Amino acid sequence: SYLNGEEVSSDILGATKPDLVRDVNGKLEAIEVKNYNLNSKNSRKNLLKELDRQVTSRSNNLPDGSTQRIVLDVQGRNYNKKLLRKVISNIKKTCEHSYHNIPVDVMS
């Protein structure tokens, strides 16, 4: 967990808690893994709202120089490529104000 650029205990109020954290060339990378029903308009809306909140919080609280990444877990769902492209585009647009061109990977 992180708050104001420092690693803190996970029970600290206001701390941001990425799903995964890894070191990439000496820099911290925070990864969010999401497994939502992308066929549902309401579910996609909730995904965007939650990612906007999380990416903004990470941008404000991770150490300077940290990066972020989103992974969409769509294993076994057989979503068509057009839907996936649309969802990825909407994620990037939604998060643009707090993280320019956030990487979005698809785990299928």
PDB file of N, CA and C in Angstrom:
ATOM      1  N   SER A   1       0.843  -1.183   0.000  1.00  0.00           N
ATOM      2  CA  SER A   1       0.000   0.000   0.000  1.00  0.00           C
ATOM      3  C   SER A   1       0.886   1.243   0.000  1.00  0.00           C
ATOM      4  N   TYR A   2       0.364   2.308  -0.588  1.00  0.00           N
ATOM      5  CA  TYR A   2       1.148   3.540  -0.741  1.00  0.00           C
ATOM      6  C   TYR A   2       0.290   4.759  -0.413  1.00  0.00           C
ATOM      7  N   LEU A   3       0.941   5.739   0.183  1.00  0.00           N
ATOM      8  CA  LEU A   3       0.291   7.003   0.496  1.00  0.00           C
ATOM      9  C   LEU A   3       1.334   8.109   0.413  1.00  0.00           C
ATOM     10  N   ASN A   4       1.034   9.122  -0.378  1.00  0.00           N
ATOM     11  CA  ASN A   4       1.932  10.275  -0.534  1.00  0.00           C
ATOM     12  C   ASN A   4       3.354   9.869  -0.932  1.00  0.00           C
ATOM     13  N   GLY A   5       3.454   8.873  -1.810  1.00  0.00           N
ATOM     14  CA  GLY A   5       4.758   8.465  -2.339  1.00  0.00           C
ATOM     15  C   GLY A   5       5.538   7.508  -1.464  1.00  0.00           C
ATOM     16  N   GLU A   6       4.966   7.096  -0.345  1.00  0.00           N
ATOM     17  CA  GLU A   6       5.663   6.202   0.587  1.00  0.00           C
ATOM     18  C   GLU A   6       4.909   4.890   0.732  1.00  0.00           C
ATOM     19  N   GLU A   7       5.657   3.808   0.917  1.00  0.00           N
ATOM     20  CA  GLU A   7       5.031   2.530   1.217  1.00  0.00           C
ATOM     21  C   GLU A   7       4.549   2.566   2.666  1.00  0.00           C
ATOM     22  N   VAL A   8       3.292   2.140   2.875  1.00  0.00           N
ATOM     23  CA  VAL A   8       2.690   2.184   4.201  1.00  0.00           C
ATOM     24  C   VAL A   8       1.970   0.865   4.490  1.00  0.00           C
ATOM     25  N   SER A   9       1.566   0.692   5.729  1.00  0.00           N
ATOM     26  CA  SER A   9       0.791  -0.472   6.129  1.00  0.00           C
ATOM     27  C   SER A   9      -0.538  -0.497   5.372  1.00  0.00           C
ATOM     28  N   SER A  10      -1.019  -1.684   5.073  1.00  0.00           N
ATOM     29  CA  SER A  10      -2.260  -1.806   4.299  1.00  0.00           C
ATOM     30  C   SER A  10      -3.494  -1.330   5.064  1.00  0.00           C
ATOM     31  N   ASP A  11      -3.379  -1.100   6.357  1.00  0.00           N
ATOM     32  CA  ASP A  11      -4.540  -0.642   7.121  1.00  0.00           C
ATOM     33  C   ASP A  11      -4.593   0.883   7.279  1.00  0.00           C
ATOM     34  N   ILE A  12      -3.707   1.591   6.597  1.00  0.00           N
ATOM     35  CA  ILE A  12      -3.695   3.058   6.669  1.00  0.00           C
ATOM     36  C   ILE A  12      -4.827   3.612   5.807  1.00  0.00           C
ATOM     37  N   LEU A  13      -5.690   4.414   6.419  1.00  0.00           N
ATOM     38  CA  LEU A  13      -6.813   5.020   5.720  1.00  0.00           C
ATOM     39  C   LEU A  13      -6.306   5.928   4.588  1.00  0.00           C
ATOM     40  N   GLY A  14      -6.884   5.768   3.407  1.00  0.00           N
ATOM     41  CA  GLY A  14      -6.521   6.591   2.266  1.00  0.00           C
ATOM     42  C   GLY A  14      -5.392   6.031   1.428  1.00  0.00           C
ATOM     43  N   ALA A  15      -4.760   4.953   1.892  1.00  0.00           N
ATOM     44  CA  ALA A  15      -3.666   4.344   1.118  1.00  0.00           C
ATOM     45  C   ALA A  15      -4.232   3.647  -0.107  1.00  0.00           C
ATOM     46  N   THR A  16      -3.450   3.622  -1.166  1.00  0.00           N
ATOM     47  CA  THR A  16      -3.841   2.947  -2.395  1.00  0.00           C
ATOM     48  C   THR A  16      -3.185   1.572  -2.420  1.00  0.00           C
ATOM     49  N   LYS A  17      -3.939   0.566  -2.860  1.00  0.00           N
ATOM     50  CA  LYS A  17      -3.487  -0.820  -2.776  1.00  0.00           C
ATOM     51  C   LYS A  17      -3.585  -1.503  -4.139  1.00  0.00           C
ATOM     52  N   PRO A  18      -2.537  -1.433  -4.959  1.00  0.00           N
ATOM     53  CA  PRO A  18      -2.576  -2.106  -6.262  1.00  0.00           C
ATOM     54  C   PRO A  18      -2.725  -3.618  -6.104  1.00  0.00           C
ATOM     55  N   ASP A  19      -3.290  -4.272  -7.131  1.00  0.00           N
ATOM     56  CA  ASP A  19      -3.397  -5.734  -7.114  1.00  0.00           C
ATOM     57  C   ASP A  19      -2.015  -6.374  -7.108  1.00  0.00           C
ATOM     58  N   LEU A  20      -1.130  -5.866  -7.946  1.00  0.00           N
ATOM     59  CA  LEU A  20       0.244  -6.368  -8.057  1.00  0.00           C
ATOM     60  C   LEU A  20       1.202  -5.199  -8.156  1.00  0.00           C
ATOM     61  N   VAL A  21       2.402  -5.397  -7.653  1.00  0.00           N
ATOM     62  CA  VAL A  21       3.464  -4.404  -7.793  1.00  0.00           C
ATOM     63  C   VAL A  21       4.716  -5.155  -8.213  1.00  0.00           C
ATOM     64  N   ARG A  22       5.424  -4.599  -9.194  1.00  0.00           N
ATOM     65  CA  ARG A  22       6.681  -5.223  -9.607  1.00  0.00           C
ATOM     66  C   ARG A  22       7.704  -4.147  -9.912  1.00  0.00           C
ATOM     67  N   ASP A  23       8.965  -4.562  -9.905  1.00  0.00           N
ATOM     68  CA  ASP A  23      10.069  -3.675 -10.242  1.00  0.00           C
ATOM     69  C   ASP A  23      10.370  -3.839 -11.728  1.00  0.00           C
ATOM     70  N   VAL A  24      10.367  -2.730 -12.447  1.00  0.00           N
ATOM     71  CA  VAL A  24      10.714  -2.732 -13.868  1.00  0.00           C
ATOM     72  C   VAL A  24      11.846  -1.734 -14.048  1.00  0.00           C
ATOM     73  N   ASN A  25      13.052  -2.265 -14.230  1.00  0.00           N
ATOM     74  CA  ASN A  25      14.231  -1.421 -14.416  1.00  0.00           C
ATOM     75  C   ASN A  25      14.392  -0.394 -13.295  1.00  0.00           C
ATOM     76  N   GLY A  26      14.184  -0.848 -12.071  1.00  0.00           N
ATOM     77  CA  GLY A  26      14.374   0.026 -10.920  1.00  0.00           C
ATOM     78  C   GLY A  26      13.206   0.938 -10.596  1.00  0.00           C
ATOM     79  N   LYS A  27      12.119   0.828 -11.356  1.00  0.00           N
ATOM     80  CA  LYS A  27      10.916   1.641 -11.109  1.00  0.00           C
ATOM     81  C   LYS A  27       9.760   0.731 -10.713  1.00  0.00           C
ATOM     82  N   LEU A  28       8.899   1.241  -9.864  1.00  0.00           N
ATOM     83  CA  LEU A  28       7.735   0.501  -9.419  1.00  0.00           C
ATOM     84  C   LEU A  28       6.662   0.536 -10.505  1.00  0.00           C
ATOM     85  N   GLU A  29       6.051  -0.610 -10.781  1.00  0.00           N
ATOM     86  CA  GLU A  29       4.902  -0.666 -11.680  1.00  0.00           C
ATOM     87  C   GLU A  29       3.733  -1.271 -10.919  1.00  0.00           C
ATOM     88  N   ALA A  30       2.632  -0.531 -10.852  1.00  0.00           N
ATOM     89  CA  ALA A  30       1.416  -0.993 -10.192  1.00  0.00           C
ATOM     90  C   ALA A  30       0.487  -1.560 -11.265  1.00  0.00           C
ATOM     91  N   ILE A  31      -0.028  -2.758 -10.999  1.00  0.00           N
ATOM     92  CA  ILE A  31      -0.868  -3.452 -11.971  1.00  0.00           C
ATOM     93  C   ILE A  31      -2.237  -3.719 -11.363  1.00  0.00           C
ATOM     94  N   GLU A  32      -3.267  -3.370 -12.105  1.00  0.00           N
ATOM     95  CA  GLU A  32      -4.643  -3.680 -11.740  1.00  0.00           C
ATOM     96  C   GLU A  32      -5.133  -4.787 -12.658  1.00  0.00           C
ATOM     97  N   VAL A  33      -5.633  -5.867 -12.094  1.00  0.00           N
ATOM     98  CA  VAL A  33      -6.183  -6.971 -12.865  1.00  0.00           C
ATOM     99  C   VAL A  33      -7.697  -6.926 -12.707  1.00  0.00           C
ATOM    100  N   LYS A  34      -8.406  -6.874 -13.824  1.00  0.00           N
ATOM    101  CA  LYS A  34      -9.866  -6.763 -13.792  1.00  0.00           C
ATOM    102  C   LYS A  34     -10.506  -7.912 -14.558  1.00  0.00           C
ATOM    103  N   ASN A  35     -11.563  -8.464 -13.960  1.00  0.00           N
ATOM    104  CA  ASN A  35     -12.305  -9.562 -14.555  1.00  0.00           C
ATOM    105  C   ASN A  35     -13.787  -9.197 -14.466  1.00  0.00           C
ATOM    106  N   TYR A  36     -14.264  -8.457 -15.448  1.00  0.00           N
ATOM    107  CA  TYR A  36     -15.642  -7.973 -15.474  1.00  0.00           C
ATOM    108  C   TYR A  36     -16.382  -8.607 -16.660  1.00  0.00           C
ATOM    109  N   ASN A  37     -17.712  -8.622 -16.590  1.00  0.00           N
ATOM    110  CA  ASN A  37     -18.536  -9.074 -17.702  1.00  0.00           C
ATOM    111  C   ASN A  37     -18.607  -7.933 -18.720  1.00  0.00           C
ATOM    112  N   LEU A  38     -17.821  -8.034 -19.762  1.00  0.00           N
ATOM    113  CA  LEU A  38     -17.745  -6.948 -20.742  1.00  0.00           C
ATOM    114  C   LEU A  38     -18.937  -6.919 -21.692  1.00  0.00           C
ATOM    115  N   ASN A  39     -19.778  -7.952 -21.674  1.00  0.00           N
ATOM    116  CA  ASN A  39     -20.989  -7.942 -22.502  1.00  0.00           C
ATOM    117  C   ASN A  39     -22.071  -7.058 -21.888  1.00  0.00           C
ATOM    118  N   SER A  40     -21.955  -6.770 -20.606  1.00  0.00           N
ATOM    119  CA  SER A  40     -22.952  -5.973 -19.899  1.00  0.00           C
ATOM    120  C   SER A  40     -22.559  -4.501 -19.894  1.00  0.00           C
ATOM    121  N   LYS A  41     -23.450  -3.659 -20.403  1.00  0.00           N
ATOM    122  CA  LYS A  41     -23.198  -2.210 -20.422  1.00  0.00           C
ATOM    123  C   LYS A  41     -22.994  -1.679 -18.999  1.00  0.00           C
ATOM    124  N   ASN A  42     -23.802  -2.139 -18.065  1.00  0.00           N
ATOM    125  CA  ASN A  42     -23.690  -1.697 -16.678  1.00  0.00           C
ATOM    126  C   ASN A  42     -22.358  -2.127 -16.065  1.00  0.00           C
ATOM    127  N   SER A  43     -21.940  -3.344 -16.358  1.00  0.00           N
ATOM    128  CA  SER A  43     -20.663  -3.848 -15.856  1.00  0.00           C
ATOM    129  C   SER A  43     -19.498  -3.043 -16.429  1.00  0.00           C
ATOM    130  N   ARG A  44     -19.561  -2.712 -17.722  1.00  0.00           N
ATOM    131  CA  ARG A  44     -18.502  -1.882 -18.334  1.00  0.00           C
ATOM    132  C   ARG A  44     -18.466  -0.504 -17.696  1.00  0.00           C
ATOM    133  N   LYS A  45     -19.631   0.065 -17.400  1.00  0.00           N
ATOM    134  CA  LYS A  45     -19.708   1.372 -16.735  1.00  0.00           C
ATOM    135  C   LYS A  45     -19.055   1.298 -15.359  1.00  0.00           C
ATOM    136  N   ASN A  46     -19.346   0.231 -14.609  1.00  0.00           N
ATOM    137  CA  ASN A  46     -18.736   0.052 -13.282  1.00  0.00           C
ATOM    138  C   ASN A  46     -17.226  -0.139 -13.374  1.00  0.00           C
ATOM    139  N   LEU A  47     -16.777  -0.857 -14.386  1.00  0.00           N
ATOM    140  CA  LEU A  47     -15.339  -1.049 -14.616  1.00  0.00           C
ATOM    141  C   LEU A  47     -14.649   0.293 -14.823  1.00  0.00           C
ATOM    142  N   LEU A  48     -15.206   1.125 -15.681  1.00  0.00           N
ATOM    143  CA  LEU A  48     -14.603   2.432 -15.963  1.00  0.00           C
ATOM    144  C   LEU A  48     -14.586   3.315 -14.719  1.00  0.00           C
ATOM    145  N   LYS A  49     -15.664   3.310 -13.971  1.00  0.00           N
ATOM    146  CA  LYS A  49     -15.734   4.120 -12.749  1.00  0.00           C
ATOM    147  C   LYS A  49     -14.670   3.677 -11.745  1.00  0.00           C
ATOM    148  N   GLU A  50     -14.539   2.371 -11.555  1.00  0.00           N
ATOM    149  CA  GLU A  50     -13.566   1.842 -10.597  1.00  0.00           C
ATOM    150  C   GLU A  50     -12.131   2.099 -11.064  1.00  0.00           C
ATOM    151  N   LEU A  51     -11.862   1.904 -12.345  1.00  0.00           N
ATOM    152  CA  LEU A  51     -10.508   2.167 -12.846  1.00  0.00           C
ATOM    153  C   LEU A  51     -10.156   3.646 -12.749  1.00  0.00           C
ATOM    154  N   ASP A  52     -11.107   4.506 -13.027  1.00  0.00           N
ATOM    155  CA  ASP A  52     -10.847   5.943 -12.894  1.00  0.00           C
ATOM    156  C   ASP A  52     -10.450   6.267 -11.457  1.00  0.00           C
ATOM    157  N   ARG A  53     -11.184   5.735 -10.505  1.00  0.00           N
ATOM    158  CA  ARG A  53     -10.883   5.973  -9.097  1.00  0.00           C
ATOM    159  C   ARG A  53      -9.506   5.417  -8.730  1.00  0.00           C
ATOM    160  N   GLN A  54      -9.227   4.181  -9.130  1.00  0.00           N
ATOM    161  CA  GLN A  54      -7.974   3.543  -8.751  1.00  0.00           C
ATOM    162  C   GLN A  54      -6.762   4.178  -9.427  1.00  0.00           C
ATOM    163  N   VAL A  55      -6.852   4.425 -10.718  1.00  0.00           N
ATOM    164  CA  VAL A  55      -5.708   5.001 -11.438  1.00  0.00           C
ATOM    165  C   VAL A  55      -5.406   6.400 -10.912  1.00  0.00           C
ATOM    166  N   THR A  56      -6.429   7.179 -10.620  1.00  0.00           N
ATOM    167  CA  THR A  56      -6.222   8.510 -10.059  1.00  0.00           C
ATOM    168  C   THR A  56      -5.559   8.418  -8.688  1.00  0.00           C
ATOM    169  N   SER A  57      -6.044   7.519  -7.853  1.00  0.00           N
ATOM    170  CA  SER A  57      -5.456   7.344  -6.522  1.00  0.00           C
ATOM    171  C   SER A  57      -4.002   6.896  -6.618  1.00  0.00           C
ATOM    172  N   ARG A  58      -3.715   5.984  -7.541  1.00  0.00           N
ATOM    173  CA  ARG A  58      -2.331   5.517  -7.714  1.00  0.00           C
ATOM    174  C   ARG A  58      -1.440   6.671  -8.189  1.00  0.00           C
ATOM    175  N   SER A  59      -1.945   7.458  -9.132  1.00  0.00           N
ATOM    176  CA  SER A  59      -1.155   8.585  -9.640  1.00  0.00           C
ATOM    177  C   SER A  59      -0.806   9.569  -8.530  1.00  0.00           C
ATOM    178  N   ASN A  60      -1.717   9.734  -7.599  1.00  0.00           N
ATOM    179  CA  ASN A  60      -1.510  10.674  -6.502  1.00  0.00           C
ATOM    180  C   ASN A  60      -0.656  10.119  -5.370  1.00  0.00           C
ATOM    181  N   ASN A  61      -0.565   8.796  -5.241  1.00  0.00           N
ATOM    182  CA  ASN A  61       0.046   8.225  -4.043  1.00  0.00           C
ATOM    183  C   ASN A  61       1.237   7.298  -4.256  1.00  0.00           C
ATOM    184  N   LEU A  62       1.462   6.832  -5.477  1.00  0.00           N
ATOM    185  CA  LEU A  62       2.635   5.992  -5.725  1.00  0.00           C
ATOM    186  C   LEU A  62       3.899   6.847  -5.698  1.00  0.00           C
ATOM    187  N   PRO A  63       5.051   6.240  -5.445  1.00  0.00           N
ATOM    188  CA  PRO A  63       6.307   7.000  -5.478  1.00  0.00           C
ATOM    189  C   PRO A  63       6.533   7.643  -6.853  1.00  0.00           C
ATOM    190  N   ASP A  64       7.213   8.782  -6.862  1.00  0.00           N
ATOM    191  CA  ASP A  64       7.550   9.453  -8.123  1.00  0.00           C
ATOM    192  C   ASP A  64       8.255   8.486  -9.063  1.00  0.00           C
ATOM    193  N   GLY A  65       7.905   8.564 -10.347  1.00  0.00           N
ATOM    194  CA  GLY A  65       8.529   7.717 -11.353  1.00  0.00           C
ATOM    195  C   GLY A  65       7.850   6.370 -11.538  1.00  0.00           C
ATOM    196  N   SER A  66       6.857   6.079 -10.705  1.00  0.00           N
ATOM    197  CA  SER A  66       6.130   4.814 -10.829  1.00  0.00           C
ATOM    198  C   SER A  66       5.284   4.809 -12.099  1.00  0.00           C
ATOM    199  N   THR A  67       5.027   3.609 -12.598  1.00  0.00           N
ATOM    200  CA  THR A  67       4.145   3.453 -13.750  1.00  0.00           C
ATOM    201  C   THR A  67       2.957   2.591 -13.346  1.00  0.00           C
ATOM    202  N   GLN A  68       1.963   2.576 -14.235  1.00  0.00           N
ATOM    203  CA  GLN A  68       0.773   1.770 -13.992  1.00  0.00           C
ATOM    204  C   GLN A  68       0.425   0.977 -15.240  1.00  0.00           C
ATOM    205  N   ARG A  69      -0.331  -0.082 -15.028  1.00  0.00           N
ATOM    206  CA  ARG A  69      -0.764  -0.962 -16.114  1.00  0.00           C
ATOM    207  C   ARG A  69      -2.082  -1.602 -15.689  1.00  0.00           C
ATOM    208  N   ILE A  70      -2.940  -1.863 -16.674  1.00  0.00           N
ATOM    209  CA  ILE A  70      -4.203  -2.550 -16.434  1.00  0.00           C
ATOM    210  C   ILE A  70      -4.186  -3.856 -17.221  1.00  0.00           C
ATOM    211  N   VAL A  71      -4.652  -4.921 -16.584  1.00  0.00           N
ATOM    212  CA  VAL A  71      -4.779  -6.213 -17.250  1.00  0.00           C
ATOM    213  C   VAL A  71      -6.247  -6.616 -17.195  1.00  0.00           C
ATOM    214  N   LEU A  72      -6.827  -6.851 -18.372  1.00  0.00           N
ATOM    215  CA  LEU A  72      -8.189  -7.366 -18.448  1.00  0.00           C
ATOM    216  C   LEU A  72      -8.112  -8.880 -18.565  1.00  0.00           C
ATOM    217  N   ASP A  73      -8.619  -9.573 -17.583  1.00  0.00           N
ATOM    218  CA  ASP A  73      -8.648 -11.034 -17.588  1.00  0.00           C
ATOM    219  C   ASP A  73      -9.952 -11.469 -18.257  1.00  0.00           C
ATOM    220  N   VAL A  74      -9.852 -11.961 -19.476  1.00  0.00           N
ATOM    221  CA  VAL A  74     -11.035 -12.380 -20.232  1.00  0.00           C
ATOM    222  C   VAL A  74     -10.962 -13.877 -20.571  1.00  0.00           C
ATOM    223  N   GLN A  75     -10.201 -14.604 -19.811  1.00  0.00           N
ATOM    224  CA  GLN A  75     -10.008 -16.030 -20.080  1.00  0.00           C
ATOM    225  C   GLN A  75     -11.344 -16.767 -20.153  1.00  0.00           C
ATOM    226  N   GLY A  76     -11.517 -17.539 -21.234  1.00  0.00           N
ATOM    227  CA  GLY A  76     -12.700 -18.358 -21.415  1.00  0.00           C
ATOM    228  C   GLY A  76     -13.963 -17.610 -21.781  1.00  0.00           C
ATOM    229  N   ARG A  77     -13.868 -16.322 -22.035  1.00  0.00           N
ATOM    230  CA  ARG A  77     -15.070 -15.520 -22.303  1.00  0.00           C
ATOM    231  C   ARG A  77     -15.386 -15.376 -23.797  1.00  0.00           C
ATOM    232  N   ASN A  78     -14.422 -15.565 -24.656  1.00  0.00           N
ATOM    233  CA  ASN A  78     -14.626 -15.490 -26.114  1.00  0.00           C
ATOM    234  C   ASN A  78     -15.234 -14.170 -26.576  1.00  0.00           C
ATOM    235  N   TYR A  79     -14.779 -13.050 -25.991  1.00  0.00           N
ATOM    236  CA  TYR A  79     -15.231 -11.739 -26.449  1.00  0.00           C
ATOM    237  C   TYR A  79     -14.664 -11.478 -27.837  1.00  0.00           C
ATOM    238  N   ASN A  80     -15.454 -10.770 -28.666  1.00  0.00           N
ATOM    239  CA  ASN A  80     -14.932 -10.461 -29.996  1.00  0.00           C
ATOM    240  C   ASN A  80     -13.953  -9.292 -29.905  1.00  0.00           C
ATOM    241  N   LYS A  81     -13.071  -9.226 -30.883  1.00  0.00           N
ATOM    242  CA  LYS A  81     -11.992  -8.228 -30.878  1.00  0.00           C
ATOM    243  C   LYS A  81     -12.522  -6.807 -30.938  1.00  0.00           C
ATOM    244  N   LYS A  82     -13.633  -6.589 -31.615  1.00  0.00           N
ATOM    245  CA  LYS A  82     -14.216  -5.250 -31.706  1.00  0.00           C
ATOM    246  C   LYS A  82     -14.633  -4.755 -30.323  1.00  0.00           C
ATOM    247  N   LEU A  83     -15.278  -5.611 -29.534  1.00  0.00           N
ATOM    248  CA  LEU A  83     -15.682  -5.240 -28.174  1.00  0.00           C
ATOM    249  C   LEU A  83     -14.453  -4.941 -27.317  1.00  0.00           C
ATOM    250  N   LEU A  84     -13.434  -5.784 -27.395  1.00  0.00           N
ATOM    251  CA  LEU A  84     -12.216  -5.560 -26.609  1.00  0.00           C
ATOM    252  C   LEU A  84     -11.544  -4.250 -26.984  1.00  0.00           C
ATOM    253  N   ARG A  85     -11.469  -3.946 -28.285  1.00  0.00           N
ATOM    254  CA  ARG A  85     -10.872  -2.664 -28.715  1.00  0.00           C
ATOM    255  C   ARG A  85     -11.662  -1.485 -28.153  1.00  0.00           C
ATOM    256  N   LYS A  86     -12.985  -1.587 -28.160  1.00  0.00           N
ATOM    257  CA  LYS A  86     -13.843  -0.517 -27.642  1.00  0.00           C
ATOM    258  C   LYS A  86     -13.621  -0.332 -26.139  1.00  0.00           C
ATOM    259  N   VAL A  87     -13.580  -1.430 -25.402  1.00  0.00           N
ATOM    260  CA  VAL A  87     -13.374  -1.349 -23.950  1.00  0.00           C
ATOM    261  C   VAL A  87     -12.011  -0.742 -23.645  1.00  0.00           C
ATOM    262  N   ILE A  88     -10.976  -1.181 -24.331  1.00  0.00           N
ATOM    263  CA  ILE A  88      -9.629  -0.633 -24.109  1.00  0.00           C
ATOM    264  C   ILE A  88      -9.599   0.857 -24.426  1.00  0.00           C
ATOM    265  N   SER A  89     -10.219   1.257 -25.527  1.00  0.00           N
ATOM    266  CA  SER A  89     -10.274   2.675 -25.892  1.00  0.00           C
ATOM    267  C   SER A  89     -10.991   3.487 -24.809  1.00  0.00           C
ATOM    268  N   ASN A  90     -12.084   2.960 -24.295  1.00  0.00           N
ATOM    269  CA  ASN A  90     -12.831   3.670 -23.249  1.00  0.00           C
ATOM    270  C   ASN A  90     -12.036   3.757 -21.953  1.00  0.00           C
ATOM    271  N   ILE A  91     -11.285   2.714 -21.622  1.00  0.00           N
ATOM    272  CA  ILE A  91     -10.436   2.756 -20.430  1.00  0.00           C
ATOM    273  C   ILE A  91      -9.397   3.853 -20.586  1.00  0.00           C
ATOM    274  N   LYS A  92      -8.733   3.897 -21.729  1.00  0.00           N
ATOM    275  CA  LYS A  92      -7.696   4.911 -21.961  1.00  0.00           C
ATOM    276  C   LYS A  92      -8.274   6.320 -21.888  1.00  0.00           C
ATOM    277  N   LYS A  93      -9.462   6.529 -22.487  1.00  0.00           N
ATOM    278  CA  LYS A  93     -10.109   7.842 -22.442  1.00  0.00           C
ATOM    279  C   LYS A  93     -10.484   8.211 -21.010  1.00  0.00           C
ATOM    280  N   THR A  94     -11.027   7.264 -20.275  1.00  0.00           N
ATOM    281  CA  THR A  94     -11.462   7.519 -18.907  1.00  0.00           C
ATOM    282  C   THR A  94     -10.295   7.880 -18.001  1.00  0.00           C
ATOM    283  N   CYS A  95      -9.172   7.210 -18.176  1.00  0.00           N
ATOM    284  CA  CYS A  95      -8.017   7.401 -17.294  1.00  0.00           C
ATOM    285  C   CYS A  95      -7.047   8.481 -17.772  1.00  0.00           C
ATOM    286  N   GLU A  96      -7.288   9.028 -18.950  1.00  0.00           N
ATOM    287  CA  GLU A  96      -6.358   9.987 -19.565  1.00  0.00           C
ATOM    288  C   GLU A  96      -6.048  11.176 -18.657  1.00  0.00           C
ATOM    289  N   HIS A  97      -7.036  11.657 -17.919  1.00  0.00           N
ATOM    290  CA  HIS A  97      -6.825  12.853 -17.086  1.00  0.00           C
ATOM    291  C   HIS A  97      -5.814  12.612 -15.964  1.00  0.00           C
ATOM    292  N   SER A  98      -5.642  11.352 -15.561  1.00  0.00           N
ATOM    293  CA  SER A  98      -4.698  11.083 -14.474  1.00  0.00           C
ATOM    294  C   SER A  98      -3.490  10.258 -14.902  1.00  0.00           C
ATOM    295  N   TYR A  99      -3.581   9.581 -16.068  1.00  0.00           N
ATOM    296  CA  TYR A  99      -2.452   8.778 -16.539  1.00  0.00           C
ATOM    297  C   TYR A  99      -2.510   8.719 -18.058  1.00  0.00           C
ATOM    298  N   HIS A 100      -1.596   9.414 -18.713  1.00  0.00           N
ATOM    299  CA  HIS A 100      -1.586   9.493 -20.172  1.00  0.00           C
ATOM    300  C   HIS A 100      -1.253   8.139 -20.794  1.00  0.00           C
ATOM    301  N   ASN A 101      -2.147   7.676 -21.663  1.00  0.00           N
ATOM    302  CA  ASN A 101      -1.942   6.458 -22.460  1.00  0.00           C
ATOM    303  C   ASN A 101      -1.571   5.241 -21.597  1.00  0.00           C
ATOM    304  N   ILE A 102      -2.386   4.966 -20.600  1.00  0.00           N
ATOM    305  CA  ILE A 102      -2.136   3.834 -19.710  1.00  0.00           C
ATOM    306  C   ILE A 102      -2.122   2.526 -20.510  1.00  0.00           C
ATOM    307  N   PRO A 103      -1.117   1.690 -20.285  1.00  0.00           N
ATOM    308  CA  PRO A 103      -1.087   0.396 -20.983  1.00  0.00           C
ATOM    309  C   PRO A 103      -2.214  -0.516 -20.502  1.00  0.00           C
ATOM    310  N   VAL A 104      -2.881  -1.148 -21.441  1.00  0.00           N
ATOM    311  CA  VAL A 104      -3.952  -2.099 -21.124  1.00  0.00           C
ATOM    312  C   VAL A 104      -3.634  -3.395 -21.858  1.00  0.00           C
ATOM    313  N   ASP A 105      -3.431  -4.457 -21.099  1.00  0.00           N
ATOM    314  CA  ASP A 105      -3.160  -5.776 -21.666  1.00  0.00           C
ATOM    315  C   ASP A 105      -4.399  -6.645 -21.513  1.00  0.00           C
ATOM    316  N   VAL A 106      -4.535  -7.612 -22.432  1.00  0.00           N
ATOM    317  CA  VAL A 106      -5.639  -8.561 -22.366  1.00  0.00           C
ATOM    318  C   VAL A 106      -5.058  -9.943 -22.097  1.00  0.00           C
ATOM    319  N   MET A 107      -5.547 -10.573 -21.037  1.00  0.00           N
ATOM    320  CA  MET A 107      -5.132 -11.932 -20.692  1.00  0.00           C
ATOM    321  C   MET A 107      -6.263 -12.865 -21.117  1.00  0.00           C
ATOM    322  N   SER A 108      -5.991 -13.625 -22.194  1.00  0.00           N
ATOM    323  CA  SER A 108      -7.052 -14.502 -22.710  1.00  0.00           C
ATOM    324  C   SER A 108      -6.628 -15.948 -22.732  1.00  0.00           C
TER     325      SER A 108
END
